[in-house]
C-alpha atoms as a PDB file:
ATOM      1  CA  MET A   1     -26.598   9.710  -2.628  1.00  0.00           C
ATOM      2  CA  THR A   2     -22.718   9.718  -2.329  1.00  0.00           C
ATOM      3  CA  LEU A   3     -20.537  12.578  -1.093  1.00  0.00           C
ATOM      4  CA  TYR A   4     -17.470  11.325  -2.504  1.00  0.00           C
ATOM      5  CA  GLN A   5     -15.582  13.381  -5.037  1.00  0.00           C
ATOM      6  CA  PRO A   6     -12.807  11.788  -6.943  1.00  0.00           C
ATOM      7  CA  GLU A   7     -10.882  14.959  -7.757  1.00  0.00           C
ATOM      8  CA  PRO A   8      -7.308  15.188  -6.273  1.00  0.00           C
ATOM      9  CA  VAL A   9      -6.897  17.222  -2.885  1.00  0.00           C
ATOM     10  CA  GLU A  10      -4.015  19.287  -2.784  1.00  0.00           C
ATOM     11  CA  ILE A  11      -2.095  21.342  -0.090  1.00  0.00           C
ATOM     12  CA  SER A  12       0.539  23.809  -1.439  1.00  0.00           C
ATOM     13  CA  THR A  13       2.521  26.840  -0.966  1.00  0.00           C
ATOM     14  CA  ARG A  14       5.342  28.681  -2.579  1.00  0.00           C
ATOM     15  CA  ILE A  15       8.168  30.008  -0.158  1.00  0.00           C
ATOM     16  CA  ARG A  16      10.400  33.192  -1.157  1.00  0.00           C
ATOM     17  CA  PRO A  17      13.943  32.790  -1.101  1.00  0.00           C
ATOM     18  CA  GLY A  18      15.657  33.157   2.179  1.00  0.00           C
ATOM     19  CA  GLU A  19      12.250  32.128   4.227  1.00  0.00           C
ATOM     20  CA  TRP A  20      13.051  28.331   4.379  1.00  0.00           C
ATOM     21  CA  THR A  21      15.839  25.917   5.540  1.00  0.00           C
ATOM     22  CA  GLU A  22      15.959  22.138   4.330  1.00  0.00           C
ATOM     23  CA  ALA A  23      14.787  21.201   7.874  1.00  0.00           C
ATOM     24  CA  SER A  24      11.867  23.807   7.864  1.00  0.00           C
ATOM     25  CA  LEU A  25      10.915  22.453   4.297  1.00  0.00           C
ATOM     26  CA  GLU A  26      11.038  18.764   5.797  1.00  0.00           C
ATOM     27  CA  GLU A  27       8.794  19.841   8.489  1.00  0.00           C
ATOM     28  CA  LEU A  28       6.081  21.652   6.195  1.00  0.00           C
ATOM     29  CA  VAL A  29       6.090  18.642   3.933  1.00  0.00           C
ATOM     30  CA  GLY A  30       5.257  16.428   7.040  1.00  0.00           C
ATOM     31  CA  THR A  31       2.595  18.506   8.371  1.00  0.00           C
ATOM     32  CA  TYR A  32       1.029  18.682   4.877  1.00  0.00           C
ATOM     33  CA  ARG A  33       1.230  14.853   4.530  1.00  0.00           C
ATOM     34  CA  THR A  34      -0.385  14.494   7.969  1.00  0.00           C
ATOM     35  CA  ARG A  35      -3.201  16.685   7.265  1.00  0.00           C
ATOM     36  CA  ILE A  36      -3.955  14.783   3.884  1.00  0.00           C
ATOM     37  CA  MET A  37      -3.946  11.628   5.735  1.00  0.00           C
ATOM     38  CA  GLU A  38      -6.184  12.777   8.270  1.00  0.00           C
ATOM     39  CA  MET A  39      -8.488  13.564   5.336  1.00  0.00           C
ATOM     40  CA  GLY A  40      -8.645   9.864   4.827  1.00  0.00           C
ATOM     41  CA  ALA A  41      -5.796   9.286   2.432  1.00  0.00           C
ATOM     42  CA  ASN A  42      -3.339   6.306   2.592  1.00  0.00           C
ATOM     43  CA  MET A  43       0.402   6.349   2.216  1.00  0.00           C
ATOM     44  CA  ALA A  44      -0.049   4.913  -1.502  1.00  0.00           C
ATOM     45  CA  GLU A  45      -2.476   7.724  -2.648  1.00  0.00           C
ATOM     46  CA  VAL A  46      -0.094  10.616  -1.303  1.00  0.00           C
ATOM     47  CA  ARG A  47       2.259  12.358  -3.772  1.00  0.00           C
ATOM     48  CA  THR A  48       4.833  15.153  -2.731  1.00  0.00           C
ATOM     49  CA  ASP A  49       5.953  17.556  -5.396  1.00  0.00           C
ATOM     50  CA  ILE A  50       8.856  20.078  -4.320  1.00  0.00           C
ATOM     51  CA  GLU A  51      10.115  22.523  -7.114  1.00  0.00           C
ATOM     52  CA  ARG A  52      13.203  24.612  -6.318  1.00  0.00           C
ATOM     53  CA  HIS A  53      13.600  27.634  -8.610  1.00  0.00           C
ATOM     54  CA  ASP A  54      16.709  29.610  -9.529  1.00  0.00           C
ATOM     55  CA  ASP A  55      15.867  32.545  -7.485  1.00  0.00           C
ATOM     56  CA  GLY A  56      15.959  30.533  -4.177  1.00  0.00           C
ATOM     57  CA  SER A  57      12.092  29.949  -3.756  1.00  0.00           C
ATOM     58  CA  VAL A  58      10.521  26.659  -3.383  1.00  0.00           C
ATOM     59  CA  ARG A  59       7.094  25.454  -4.231  1.00  0.00           C
ATOM     60  CA  VAL A  60       5.601  22.634  -2.262  1.00  0.00           C
ATOM     61  CA  ALA A  61       2.658  20.409  -3.002  1.00  0.00           C
ATOM     62  CA  VAL A  62       1.242  17.607  -1.357  1.00  0.00           C
ATOM     63  CA  VAL A  63      -1.452  15.925  -3.228  1.00  0.00           C
ATOM     64  CA  TRP A  64      -4.026  13.118  -2.532  1.00  0.00           C
ATOM     65  CA  ASP A  65      -4.512  11.374  -5.697  1.00  0.00           C
ATOM     66  CA  LYS A  66      -8.058   9.745  -4.885  1.00  0.00           C
ATOM     67  CA  PRO A  67      -9.109   6.663  -6.709  1.00  0.00           C
ATOM     68  CA  ALA A  68     -11.970   7.105  -9.328  1.00  0.00           C
ATOM     69  CA  ASN A  69     -14.532   4.954  -7.412  1.00  0.00           C
ATOM     70  CA  ALA A  70     -14.105   4.405  -3.607  1.00  0.00           C
ATOM     71  CA  GLY A  71     -17.545   2.625  -3.140  1.00  0.00           C
ATOM     72  CA  ASP A  72     -20.117   4.151  -0.715  1.00  0.00           C
ATOM     73  CA  GLU A  73     -20.229   6.849   1.618  1.00  0.00           C
ATOM     74  CA  ASP A  74     -19.328   4.610   4.527  1.00  0.00           C
ATOM     75  CA  ALA A  75     -16.083   3.650   2.947  1.00  0.00           C
ATOM     76  CA  VAL A  76     -15.140   7.169   2.409  1.00  0.00           C
ATOM     77  CA  THR A  77     -15.828   8.344   5.901  1.00  0.00           C
ATOM     78  CA  GLY A  78     -14.837   5.301   7.818  1.00  0.00           C
ATOM     79  CA  GLY A  79     -18.312   4.387   8.728  1.00  0.00           C
ATOM     80  CA  GLN A  80     -18.436   7.791  10.548  1.00  0.00           C
ATOM     81  CA  ALA A  81     -21.915   9.886  10.229  1.00  0.00           C
ATOM     82  CA  LEU A  82     -21.667  12.997   8.342  1.00  0.00           C
END
């Protein structure tokens, strides 16, 4: 039995106007990318979407577009026991 699920993994948030700066946005994106990579993503599988809205709010999403078939369970977990 395999535990692999090919659905994308997403970490996202919406930040209200006045609650973010370019520097804090960059830091948040970096944190989200680190978390996704700690889950097993490689850089080529990570996508970042930033939507800036007219009201000054911003929506940030970092997505791990997992491949359809990653092989056996050991390949997914790096050989670590679950």
